[in-house]
Amino acid sequence: MTKGWKWFFGIGSLLFLLFAYWQINDPDPMWWVPVYLIAALTAGFAFFGKFNVNLLVFLTFSYLIGAVFFWPENILGWIGEEWQQKDLSMKTTAMEINREFFGLTLAAVVFALEAIIGRRKRLLENQKKSELDS
């Protein structure tokens, strides 16, 4: 794994920890804090070169399926509302739904990248092992 990926996963882990912290004041923190803590944990493991590819694939699809349930009705309108508001407080239910959709989608993308990098790492290790055995 390159240093670039290592730093990407390290920063991702810290950001997901921050997202989990922000969810503490959410109307339903018992759902969203673990969602982001799981993402922070897997990114932290990826930072150290530890990948459970099967789990990461499962999490990718689980989070994507969850995101479908929060599919935003009006993304551009939401972006405009957020831009006008200039702070992170939730003014409308639509804002909350859009944020949850993007949070799940972002975590799913990171899980997918972790799975790809982890699979690549495993294939390289198996290839090196085969070459040594030959």
N, C-alpha and C. Protein backbone atom coordinates (compact mmCIF):
# COMPACT_ATOMS: atom_id res chain seq x y z
N MET A 1 0.85 -1.17 0.00
CA MET A 1 0.00 0.00 0.00
C MET A 1 0.90 1.24 0.00
N THR A 2 0.55 2.19 -0.82
CA THR A 2 1.37 3.40 -0.92
C THR A 2 1.12 4.33 0.27
N LYS A 3 2.03 5.26 0.47
CA LYS A 3 1.87 6.23 1.55
C LYS A 3 0.63 7.09 1.34
N GLY A 4 0.31 7.35 0.08
CA GLY A 4 -0.88 8.14 -0.22
C GLY A 4 -2.15 7.49 0.30
N TRP A 5 -2.30 6.19 0.06
CA TRP A 5 -3.46 5.46 0.56
C TRP A 5 -3.45 5.41 2.08
N LYS A 6 -2.27 5.20 2.63
CA LYS A 6 -2.16 5.14 4.09
C LYS A 6 -2.66 6.44 4.71
N TRP A 7 -2.22 7.57 4.17
CA TRP A 7 -2.66 8.87 4.69
C TRP A 7 -4.14 9.11 4.42
N PHE A 8 -4.62 8.66 3.27
CA PHE A 8 -6.04 8.79 2.95
C PHE A 8 -6.89 8.08 4.00
N PHE A 9 -6.51 6.85 4.33
CA PHE A 9 -7.28 6.10 5.31
C PHE A 9 -7.11 6.67 6.72
N GLY A 10 -5.93 7.17 7.04
CA GLY A 10 -5.72 7.78 8.35
C GLY A 10 -6.56 9.03 8.54
N ILE A 11 -6.55 9.89 7.54
CA ILE A 11 -7.36 11.11 7.61
C ILE A 11 -8.84 10.75 7.59
N GLY A 12 -9.20 9.76 6.78
CA GLY A 12 -10.59 9.30 6.75
C GLY A 12 -11.05 8.81 8.11
N SER A 13 -10.20 8.06 8.80
CA SER A 13 -10.54 7.57 10.13
C SER A 13 -10.80 8.73 11.09
N LEU A 14 -9.94 9.72 11.05
CA LEU A 14 -10.13 10.89 11.93
C LEU A 14 -11.40 11.66 11.57
N LEU A 15 -11.68 11.79 10.28
CA LEU A 15 -12.91 12.49 9.88
C LEU A 15 -14.16 11.73 10.31
N PHE A 16 -14.15 10.41 10.17
CA PHE A 16 -15.31 9.63 10.60
C PHE A 16 -15.49 9.70 12.12
N LEU A 17 -14.39 9.78 12.86
CA LEU A 17 -14.50 9.99 14.31
C LEU A 17 -15.15 11.34 14.61
N LEU A 18 -14.78 12.34 13.85
CA LEU A 18 -15.39 13.66 14.00
C LEU A 18 -16.88 13.62 13.65
N PHE A 19 -17.22 12.91 12.59
CA PHE A 19 -18.63 12.77 12.21
C PHE A 19 -19.41 12.07 13.31
N ALA A 20 -18.83 11.04 13.92
CA ALA A 20 -19.49 10.34 15.02
C ALA A 20 -19.72 11.28 16.19
N TYR A 21 -18.73 12.10 16.49
CA TYR A 21 -18.85 13.08 17.58
C TYR A 21 -19.99 14.06 17.30
N TRP A 22 -20.07 14.54 16.07
CA TRP A 22 -21.15 15.48 15.72
C TRP A 22 -22.52 14.84 15.82
N GLN A 23 -22.60 13.53 15.69
CA GLN A 23 -23.88 12.84 15.74
C GLN A 23 -24.41 12.68 17.16
N ILE A 24 -23.60 12.95 18.15
CA ILE A 24 -24.04 12.80 19.54
C ILE A 24 -25.28 13.66 19.82
N ASN A 25 -25.36 14.85 19.24
CA ASN A 25 -26.50 15.73 19.44
C ASN A 25 -27.61 15.52 18.42
N ASP A 26 -27.47 14.52 17.58
CA ASP A 26 -28.48 14.21 16.57
C ASP A 26 -29.74 13.69 17.25
N PRO A 27 -30.91 13.82 16.60
CA PRO A 27 -32.13 13.26 17.21
C PRO A 27 -32.07 11.74 17.43
N ASP A 28 -31.26 11.04 16.65
CA ASP A 28 -31.15 9.58 16.79
C ASP A 28 -29.69 9.13 16.81
N PRO A 29 -28.93 9.54 17.85
CA PRO A 29 -27.50 9.21 17.89
C PRO A 29 -27.23 7.72 18.03
N MET A 30 -28.19 6.95 18.58
CA MET A 30 -27.95 5.52 18.77
C MET A 30 -27.78 4.78 17.45
N TRP A 31 -28.21 5.40 16.34
CA TRP A 31 -28.01 4.82 15.01
C TRP A 31 -26.77 5.37 14.34
N TRP A 32 -26.59 6.68 14.41
CA TRP A 32 -25.60 7.32 13.57
C TRP A 32 -24.21 7.34 14.18
N VAL A 33 -24.09 7.34 15.47
CA VAL A 33 -22.75 7.28 16.07
C VAL A 33 -22.07 5.94 15.71
N PRO A 34 -22.75 4.79 15.87
CA PRO A 34 -22.10 3.52 15.46
C PRO A 34 -21.81 3.45 13.96
N VAL A 35 -22.68 4.04 13.14
CA VAL A 35 -22.45 4.03 11.69
C VAL A 35 -21.10 4.65 11.38
N TYR A 36 -20.82 5.80 11.98
CA TYR A 36 -19.55 6.48 11.71
C TYR A 36 -18.39 5.87 12.48
N LEU A 37 -18.64 5.30 13.65
CA LEU A 37 -17.55 4.63 14.38
C LEU A 37 -17.06 3.40 13.63
N ILE A 38 -17.97 2.67 13.01
CA ILE A 38 -17.57 1.50 12.21
C ILE A 38 -16.70 1.95 11.04
N ALA A 39 -17.10 3.05 10.39
CA ALA A 39 -16.30 3.57 9.27
C ALA A 39 -14.93 4.03 9.77
N ALA A 40 -14.89 4.68 10.93
CA ALA A 40 -13.62 5.14 11.50
C ALA A 40 -12.73 3.95 11.84
N LEU A 41 -13.31 2.91 12.40
CA LEU A 41 -12.56 1.72 12.79
C LEU A 41 -11.94 1.01 11.58
N THR A 42 -12.74 0.80 10.54
CA THR A 42 -12.20 0.10 9.36
C THR A 42 -11.14 0.94 8.67
N ALA A 43 -11.34 2.27 8.62
CA ALA A 43 -10.31 3.14 8.02
C ALA A 43 -9.04 3.12 8.87
N GLY A 44 -9.20 3.06 10.18
CA GLY A 44 -8.03 2.97 11.05
C GLY A 44 -7.26 1.68 10.83
N PHE A 45 -7.99 0.57 10.70
CA PHE A 45 -7.32 -0.70 10.39
C PHE A 45 -6.62 -0.62 9.03
N ALA A 46 -7.28 0.00 8.06
CA ALA A 46 -6.67 0.14 6.73
C ALA A 46 -5.40 0.96 6.81
N PHE A 47 -5.39 1.98 7.65
CA PHE A 47 -4.19 2.80 7.84
C PHE A 47 -3.01 1.93 8.26
N PHE A 48 -3.29 0.92 9.09
CA PHE A 48 -2.23 0.01 9.56
C PHE A 48 -2.05 -1.21 8.66
N GLY A 49 -2.72 -1.21 7.49
CA GLY A 49 -2.55 -2.29 6.53
C GLY A 49 -3.33 -3.54 6.84
N LYS A 50 -4.34 -3.42 7.67
CA LYS A 50 -5.18 -4.57 8.04
C LYS A 50 -6.53 -4.45 7.34
N PHE A 51 -6.87 -5.46 6.54
CA PHE A 51 -8.11 -5.43 5.75
C PHE A 51 -8.85 -6.74 5.92
N ASN A 52 -10.13 -6.67 6.20
CA ASN A 52 -11.00 -7.84 6.14
C ASN A 52 -11.90 -7.62 4.93
N VAL A 53 -11.47 -8.11 3.79
CA VAL A 53 -12.12 -7.80 2.52
C VAL A 53 -13.58 -8.24 2.53
N ASN A 54 -13.87 -9.41 3.06
CA ASN A 54 -15.25 -9.89 3.07
C ASN A 54 -16.15 -8.96 3.89
N LEU A 55 -15.68 -8.55 5.04
CA LEU A 55 -16.45 -7.62 5.87
C LEU A 55 -16.63 -6.28 5.15
N LEU A 56 -15.58 -5.81 4.50
CA LEU A 56 -15.65 -4.52 3.81
C LEU A 56 -16.64 -4.55 2.65
N VAL A 57 -16.69 -5.65 1.93
CA VAL A 57 -17.68 -5.79 0.84
C VAL A 57 -19.08 -5.79 1.43
N PHE A 58 -19.27 -6.53 2.52
CA PHE A 58 -20.58 -6.56 3.18
C PHE A 58 -20.99 -5.16 3.64
N LEU A 59 -20.07 -4.43 4.28
CA LEU A 59 -20.37 -3.08 4.76
C LEU A 59 -20.66 -2.13 3.60
N THR A 60 -19.92 -2.27 2.51
CA THR A 60 -20.16 -1.42 1.34
C THR A 60 -21.60 -1.56 0.87
N PHE A 61 -22.04 -2.79 0.66
CA PHE A 61 -23.40 -3.00 0.17
C PHE A 61 -24.45 -2.65 1.21
N SER A 62 -24.17 -2.92 2.48
CA SER A 62 -25.12 -2.56 3.54
C SER A 62 -25.33 -1.05 3.61
N TYR A 63 -24.25 -0.30 3.56
CA TYR A 63 -24.36 1.15 3.63
C TYR A 63 -25.01 1.72 2.37
N LEU A 64 -24.74 1.13 1.21
CA LEU A 64 -25.39 1.59 -0.01
C LEU A 64 -26.89 1.33 0.02
N ILE A 65 -27.27 0.17 0.53
CA ILE A 65 -28.70 -0.14 0.66
C ILE A 65 -29.35 0.84 1.64
N GLY A 66 -28.65 1.12 2.74
CA GLY A 66 -29.16 2.11 3.69
C GLY A 66 -29.30 3.48 3.05
N ALA A 67 -28.34 3.85 2.22
CA ALA A 67 -28.40 5.16 1.56
C ALA A 67 -29.61 5.28 0.65
N VAL A 68 -30.02 4.18 0.03
CA VAL A 68 -31.19 4.21 -0.85
C VAL A 68 -32.43 4.66 -0.07
N PHE A 69 -32.52 4.26 1.19
CA PHE A 69 -33.68 4.65 2.01
C PHE A 69 -33.68 6.14 2.35
N PHE A 70 -32.52 6.78 2.24
CA PHE A 70 -32.41 8.21 2.52
C PHE A 70 -32.18 9.01 1.23
N TRP A 71 -32.58 8.44 0.11
CA TRP A 71 -32.35 9.09 -1.18
C TRP A 71 -32.97 10.49 -1.15
N PRO A 72 -32.16 11.52 -1.41
CA PRO A 72 -32.68 12.89 -1.33
C PRO A 72 -33.62 13.24 -2.47
N GLU A 73 -34.62 14.05 -2.15
CA GLU A 73 -35.58 14.47 -3.17
C GLU A 73 -35.02 15.61 -4.01
N ASN A 74 -34.27 16.50 -3.39
CA ASN A 74 -33.81 17.68 -4.10
C ASN A 74 -32.40 18.04 -3.63
N ILE A 75 -31.40 17.45 -4.26
CA ILE A 75 -30.02 17.66 -3.84
C ILE A 75 -29.59 19.11 -4.04
N LEU A 76 -29.86 19.67 -5.18
CA LEU A 76 -29.42 21.05 -5.45
C LEU A 76 -30.09 22.04 -4.51
N GLY A 77 -31.37 21.81 -4.21
CA GLY A 77 -32.06 22.68 -3.26
C GLY A 77 -31.43 22.59 -1.88
N TRP A 78 -31.04 21.37 -1.49
CA TRP A 78 -30.40 21.18 -0.19
C TRP A 78 -29.06 21.89 -0.13
N ILE A 79 -28.29 21.77 -1.20
CA ILE A 79 -26.98 22.44 -1.23
C ILE A 79 -27.17 23.95 -1.09
N GLY A 80 -28.18 24.49 -1.78
CA GLY A 80 -28.47 25.91 -1.67
C GLY A 80 -28.86 26.32 -0.26
N GLU A 81 -29.69 25.49 0.40
CA GLU A 81 -30.09 25.77 1.78
C GLU A 81 -28.88 25.75 2.71
N GLU A 82 -28.02 24.76 2.55
CA GLU A 82 -26.83 24.65 3.40
C GLU A 82 -25.92 25.87 3.18
N TRP A 83 -25.78 26.28 1.93
CA TRP A 83 -24.91 27.40 1.60
C TRP A 83 -25.43 28.69 2.22
N GLN A 84 -26.75 28.90 2.17
CA GLN A 84 -27.35 30.10 2.74
C GLN A 84 -27.26 30.11 4.26
N GLN A 85 -27.38 28.95 4.86
CA GLN A 85 -27.43 28.83 6.32
C GLN A 85 -26.11 29.17 6.98
N LYS A 86 -24.99 28.76 6.37
CA LYS A 86 -23.64 29.06 6.83
C LYS A 86 -23.28 28.46 8.21
N ASP A 87 -24.02 27.48 8.66
CA ASP A 87 -23.62 26.74 9.87
C ASP A 87 -24.12 25.31 9.73
N LEU A 88 -23.80 24.46 10.69
CA LEU A 88 -24.14 23.04 10.57
C LEU A 88 -25.42 22.65 11.30
N SER A 89 -26.17 23.62 11.80
CA SER A 89 -27.40 23.26 12.50
C SER A 89 -28.43 22.73 11.51
N MET A 90 -29.31 21.86 12.00
CA MET A 90 -30.33 21.27 11.15
C MET A 90 -31.59 22.12 11.23
N LYS A 91 -31.98 22.70 10.12
CA LYS A 91 -33.17 23.55 10.09
C LYS A 91 -34.40 22.80 9.60
N THR A 92 -34.19 21.81 8.73
CA THR A 92 -35.33 21.07 8.17
C THR A 92 -35.04 19.58 8.19
N THR A 93 -36.11 18.79 8.10
CA THR A 93 -35.97 17.34 8.02
C THR A 93 -35.26 16.94 6.73
N ALA A 94 -35.53 17.67 5.66
CA ALA A 94 -34.88 17.37 4.37
C ALA A 94 -33.36 17.51 4.49
N MET A 95 -32.91 18.50 5.25
CA MET A 95 -31.46 18.67 5.44
C MET A 95 -30.88 17.44 6.14
N GLU A 96 -31.56 16.96 7.15
CA GLU A 96 -31.09 15.79 7.89
C GLU A 96 -31.04 14.56 7.00
N ILE A 97 -32.07 14.35 6.21
CA ILE A 97 -32.13 13.18 5.32
C ILE A 97 -31.01 13.25 4.28
N ASN A 98 -30.78 14.42 3.72
CA ASN A 98 -29.71 14.57 2.73
C ASN A 98 -28.35 14.31 3.36
N ARG A 99 -28.13 14.82 4.55
CA ARG A 99 -26.84 14.59 5.22
C ARG A 99 -26.63 13.11 5.52
N GLU A 100 -27.70 12.42 5.94
CA GLU A 100 -27.58 10.99 6.23
C GLU A 100 -27.29 10.20 4.96
N PHE A 101 -27.94 10.59 3.87
CA PHE A 101 -27.67 9.93 2.59
C PHE A 101 -26.20 10.07 2.21
N PHE A 102 -25.69 11.29 2.26
CA PHE A 102 -24.30 11.52 1.85
C PHE A 102 -23.31 10.88 2.82
N GLY A 103 -23.63 10.84 4.10
CA GLY A 103 -22.77 10.18 5.07
C GLY A 103 -22.65 8.69 4.79
N LEU A 104 -23.79 8.03 4.55
CA LEU A 104 -23.77 6.61 4.23
C LEU A 104 -23.05 6.34 2.91
N THR A 105 -23.28 7.19 1.93
CA THR A 105 -22.64 7.02 0.63
C THR A 105 -21.13 7.21 0.73
N LEU A 106 -20.71 8.22 1.47
CA LEU A 106 -19.27 8.47 1.66
C LEU A 106 -18.61 7.28 2.36
N ALA A 107 -19.25 6.78 3.41
CA ALA A 107 -18.69 5.62 4.11
C ALA A 107 -18.62 4.40 3.19
N ALA A 108 -19.66 4.19 2.37
CA ALA A 108 -19.66 3.05 1.44
C ALA A 108 -18.52 3.16 0.44
N VAL A 109 -18.26 4.36 -0.05
CA VAL A 109 -17.15 4.56 -1.00
C VAL A 109 -15.82 4.23 -0.33
N VAL A 110 -15.64 4.68 0.91
CA VAL A 110 -14.39 4.39 1.63
C VAL A 110 -14.26 2.89 1.87
N PHE A 111 -15.37 2.22 2.26
CA PHE A 111 -15.32 0.76 2.44
C PHE A 111 -14.91 0.08 1.14
N ALA A 112 -15.47 0.53 0.02
CA ALA A 112 -15.16 -0.09 -1.27
C ALA A 112 -13.67 0.10 -1.60
N LEU A 113 -13.15 1.29 -1.36
CA LEU A 113 -11.72 1.54 -1.61
C LEU A 113 -10.86 0.66 -0.70
N GLU A 114 -11.25 0.52 0.55
CA GLU A 114 -10.51 -0.35 1.47
C GLU A 114 -10.53 -1.79 0.97
N ALA A 115 -11.68 -2.25 0.49
CA ALA A 115 -11.79 -3.62 -0.01
C ALA A 115 -10.91 -3.82 -1.24
N ILE A 116 -10.89 -2.85 -2.13
CA ILE A 116 -10.06 -2.96 -3.34
C ILE A 116 -8.58 -3.00 -2.97
N ILE A 117 -8.15 -2.09 -2.11
CA ILE A 117 -6.75 -2.05 -1.70
C ILE A 117 -6.40 -3.32 -0.93
N GLY A 118 -7.29 -3.78 -0.06
CA GLY A 118 -7.04 -4.99 0.72
C GLY A 118 -6.95 -6.22 -0.16
N ARG A 119 -7.81 -6.30 -1.17
CA ARG A 119 -7.77 -7.45 -2.09
C ARG A 119 -6.47 -7.42 -2.89
N ARG A 120 -6.10 -6.24 -3.36
CA ARG A 120 -4.85 -6.10 -4.10
C ARG A 120 -3.66 -6.54 -3.25
N LYS A 121 -3.67 -6.12 -1.99
CA LYS A 121 -2.59 -6.49 -1.08
C LYS A 121 -2.55 -8.01 -0.89
N ARG A 122 -3.72 -8.61 -0.71
CA ARG A 122 -3.77 -10.07 -0.52
C ARG A 122 -3.29 -10.80 -1.77
N LEU A 123 -3.68 -10.33 -2.95
CA LEU A 123 -3.23 -10.98 -4.18
C LEU A 123 -1.71 -10.88 -4.34
N LEU A 124 -1.14 -9.72 -4.01
CA LEU A 124 0.32 -9.56 -4.10
C LEU A 124 1.03 -10.48 -3.11
N GLU A 125 0.49 -10.59 -1.90
CA GLU A 125 1.09 -11.48 -0.91
C GLU A 125 1.03 -12.93 -1.36
N ASN A 126 -0.11 -13.34 -1.93
CA ASN A 126 -0.24 -14.72 -2.43
C ASN A 126 0.69 -14.97 -3.60
N GLN A 127 0.87 -13.96 -4.46
CA GLN A 127 1.76 -14.11 -5.59
C GLN A 127 3.21 -14.26 -5.12
N LYS A 128 3.62 -13.45 -4.16
CA LYS A 128 4.98 -13.55 -3.63
C LYS A 128 5.19 -14.90 -2.94
N LYS A 129 4.17 -15.35 -2.23
CA LYS A 129 4.26 -16.64 -1.55
C LYS A 129 4.40 -17.77 -2.56
N SER A 130 3.66 -17.70 -3.67
CA SER A 130 3.75 -18.72 -4.71
C SER A 130 5.12 -18.73 -5.35
N GLU A 131 5.68 -17.53 -5.56
CA GLU A 131 7.00 -17.44 -6.17
C GLU A 131 8.07 -18.02 -5.25
N LEU A 132 7.92 -17.83 -3.97
CA LEU A 132 8.88 -18.40 -3.02
C LEU A 132 8.76 -19.91 -2.92
N ASP A 133 7.54 -20.42 -3.04
CA ASP A 133 7.31 -21.86 -2.97
C ASP A 133 7.83 -22.58 -4.24
N SER A 134 7.90 -21.87 -5.35
CA SER A 134 8.32 -22.49 -6.62
C SER A 134 9.79 -22.69 -6.71
